[in-house]
Amino acid sequence: MASQTPTGTIPKERPTSAQEKGVVLFAAFEYKTMTRVAAMRATRLSGLR
């Protein structure tokens, strides 16, 4: 929800760099989960053969 707020209304104690770092971490986590799901799907498909 914090990311939904405009850049101008971000409080001083929460700089944009920290927010960007969080976004990067979230993207990396999402990428890891996506690759894991893809690998599970691939192994499941190869197991069905």
N, C-alpha and C. Protein backbone atom coordinates (compact mmCIF):
# COMPACT_ATOMS: atom_id res chain seq x y z
N MET A 1 0.83 -1.21 0.00
CA MET A 1 0.00 0.00 0.00
C MET A 1 0.87 1.26 0.00
N ALA A 2 2.06 1.16 0.62
CA ALA A 2 2.94 2.32 0.69
C ALA A 2 3.45 2.72 -0.70
N SER A 3 3.58 1.72 -1.58
CA SER A 3 4.07 2.02 -2.93
C SER A 3 3.02 2.74 -3.76
N GLN A 4 1.75 2.67 -3.34
CA GLN A 4 0.68 3.31 -4.09
C GLN A 4 0.71 4.83 -3.94
N THR A 5 1.29 5.32 -2.83
CA THR A 5 1.31 6.76 -2.59
C THR A 5 2.24 7.46 -3.57
N PRO A 6 1.91 8.67 -4.00
CA PRO A 6 2.77 9.42 -4.91
C PRO A 6 4.13 9.71 -4.30
N THR A 7 5.11 10.01 -5.15
CA THR A 7 6.48 10.24 -4.67
C THR A 7 6.55 11.49 -3.80
N GLY A 8 5.70 12.48 -4.06
CA GLY A 8 5.76 13.74 -3.32
C GLY A 8 5.28 13.62 -1.89
N THR A 9 4.46 12.59 -1.59
CA THR A 9 3.89 12.49 -0.24
C THR A 9 4.63 11.48 0.63
N ILE A 10 5.79 10.99 0.19
CA ILE A 10 6.56 10.04 1.00
C ILE A 10 7.19 10.79 2.18
N PRO A 11 7.01 10.29 3.40
CA PRO A 11 7.59 10.95 4.59
C PRO A 11 9.12 10.95 4.54
N LYS A 12 9.71 11.84 5.35
CA LYS A 12 11.17 12.00 5.35
C LYS A 12 11.86 10.75 5.89
N GLU A 13 11.23 10.05 6.85
CA GLU A 13 11.88 8.89 7.47
C GLU A 13 11.89 7.68 6.53
N ARG A 14 11.15 7.78 5.41
CA ARG A 14 11.14 6.67 4.45
C ARG A 14 11.61 7.18 3.09
N PRO A 15 12.92 7.17 2.87
CA PRO A 15 13.47 7.68 1.60
C PRO A 15 13.13 6.77 0.43
N THR A 16 13.26 7.32 -0.78
CA THR A 16 12.92 6.58 -1.99
C THR A 16 13.89 5.42 -2.22
N SER A 17 15.15 5.58 -1.77
CA SER A 17 16.14 4.53 -1.98
C SER A 17 15.74 3.25 -1.27
N ALA A 18 15.23 3.39 -0.03
CA ALA A 18 14.78 2.21 0.73
C ALA A 18 13.60 1.56 0.02
N GLN A 19 12.71 2.39 -0.51
CA GLN A 19 11.55 1.86 -1.23
C GLN A 19 12.01 1.11 -2.49
N GLU A 20 12.96 1.70 -3.20
CA GLU A 20 13.48 1.04 -4.40
C GLU A 20 14.14 -0.29 -4.05
N LYS A 21 14.88 -0.29 -2.92
CA LYS A 21 15.54 -1.52 -2.48
C LYS A 21 14.49 -2.60 -2.20
N GLY A 22 13.40 -2.21 -1.56
CA GLY A 22 12.32 -3.16 -1.27
C GLY A 22 11.70 -3.69 -2.56
N VAL A 23 11.53 -2.80 -3.52
CA VAL A 23 10.96 -3.21 -4.81
C VAL A 23 11.88 -4.20 -5.50
N VAL A 24 13.19 -3.94 -5.45
CA VAL A 24 14.16 -4.84 -6.06
C VAL A 24 14.14 -6.20 -5.37
N LEU A 25 14.10 -6.18 -4.03
CA LEU A 25 14.07 -7.44 -3.28
C LEU A 25 12.81 -8.23 -3.63
N PHE A 26 11.67 -7.52 -3.71
CA PHE A 26 10.42 -8.18 -4.05
C PHE A 26 10.48 -8.78 -5.45
N ALA A 27 11.09 -8.03 -6.38
CA ALA A 27 11.20 -8.53 -7.76
C ALA A 27 12.08 -9.79 -7.80
N ALA A 28 13.18 -9.77 -7.05
CA ALA A 28 14.07 -10.93 -7.02
C ALA A 28 13.35 -12.13 -6.41
N PHE A 29 12.60 -11.90 -5.33
CA PHE A 29 11.84 -12.99 -4.70
C PHE A 29 10.81 -13.55 -5.66
N GLU A 30 10.10 -12.65 -6.37
CA GLU A 30 9.08 -13.08 -7.33
C GLU A 30 9.73 -13.88 -8.46
N TYR A 31 10.91 -13.43 -8.92
CA TYR A 31 11.62 -14.14 -9.99
C TYR A 31 12.02 -15.54 -9.52
N LYS A 32 12.48 -15.64 -8.26
CA LYS A 32 12.87 -16.95 -7.72
C LYS A 32 11.66 -17.89 -7.67
N THR A 33 10.54 -17.37 -7.19
CA THR A 33 9.35 -18.21 -7.09
C THR A 33 8.87 -18.63 -8.48
N MET A 34 8.94 -17.69 -9.44
CA MET A 34 8.49 -18.01 -10.79
C MET A 34 9.37 -19.11 -11.40
N THR A 35 10.70 -19.00 -11.22
CA THR A 35 11.59 -20.02 -11.77
C THR A 35 11.35 -21.36 -11.08
N ARG A 36 11.07 -21.32 -9.76
CA ARG A 36 10.81 -22.56 -9.02
C ARG A 36 9.55 -23.23 -9.55
N VAL A 37 8.51 -22.41 -9.77
CA VAL A 37 7.25 -22.95 -10.29
C VAL A 37 7.47 -23.53 -11.69
N ALA A 38 8.24 -22.81 -12.51
CA ALA A 38 8.51 -23.30 -13.87
C ALA A 38 9.27 -24.62 -13.82
N ALA A 39 10.25 -24.72 -12.92
CA ALA A 39 11.02 -25.95 -12.80
C ALA A 39 10.13 -27.10 -12.34
N MET A 40 9.27 -26.85 -11.35
CA MET A 40 8.34 -27.88 -10.87
C MET A 40 7.43 -28.32 -12.01
N ARG A 41 6.94 -27.36 -12.78
CA ARG A 41 6.06 -27.68 -13.90
C ARG A 41 6.80 -28.54 -14.93
N ALA A 42 8.06 -28.17 -15.20
CA ALA A 42 8.85 -28.92 -16.19
C ALA A 42 9.09 -30.34 -15.69
N THR A 43 9.44 -30.49 -14.41
CA THR A 43 9.70 -31.83 -13.88
C THR A 43 8.41 -32.66 -13.89
N ARG A 44 7.28 -32.00 -13.60
CA ARG A 44 6.00 -32.72 -13.60
C ARG A 44 5.68 -33.20 -15.01
N LEU A 45 5.94 -32.33 -16.00
CA LEU A 45 5.67 -32.71 -17.40
C LEU A 45 6.58 -33.85 -17.84
N SER A 46 7.85 -33.80 -17.45
CA SER A 46 8.78 -34.86 -17.84
C SER A 46 8.43 -36.16 -17.12
N GLY A 47 7.89 -36.06 -15.89
CA GLY A 47 7.50 -37.26 -15.15
C GLY A 47 6.28 -37.93 -15.76
N LEU A 48 5.42 -37.13 -16.38
CA LEU A 48 4.21 -37.70 -17.00
C LEU A 48 4.56 -38.51 -18.23
N ARG A 49 5.68 -38.18 -18.88
CA ARG A 49 6.00 -38.88 -20.12
C ARG A 49 6.37 -40.31 -19.87
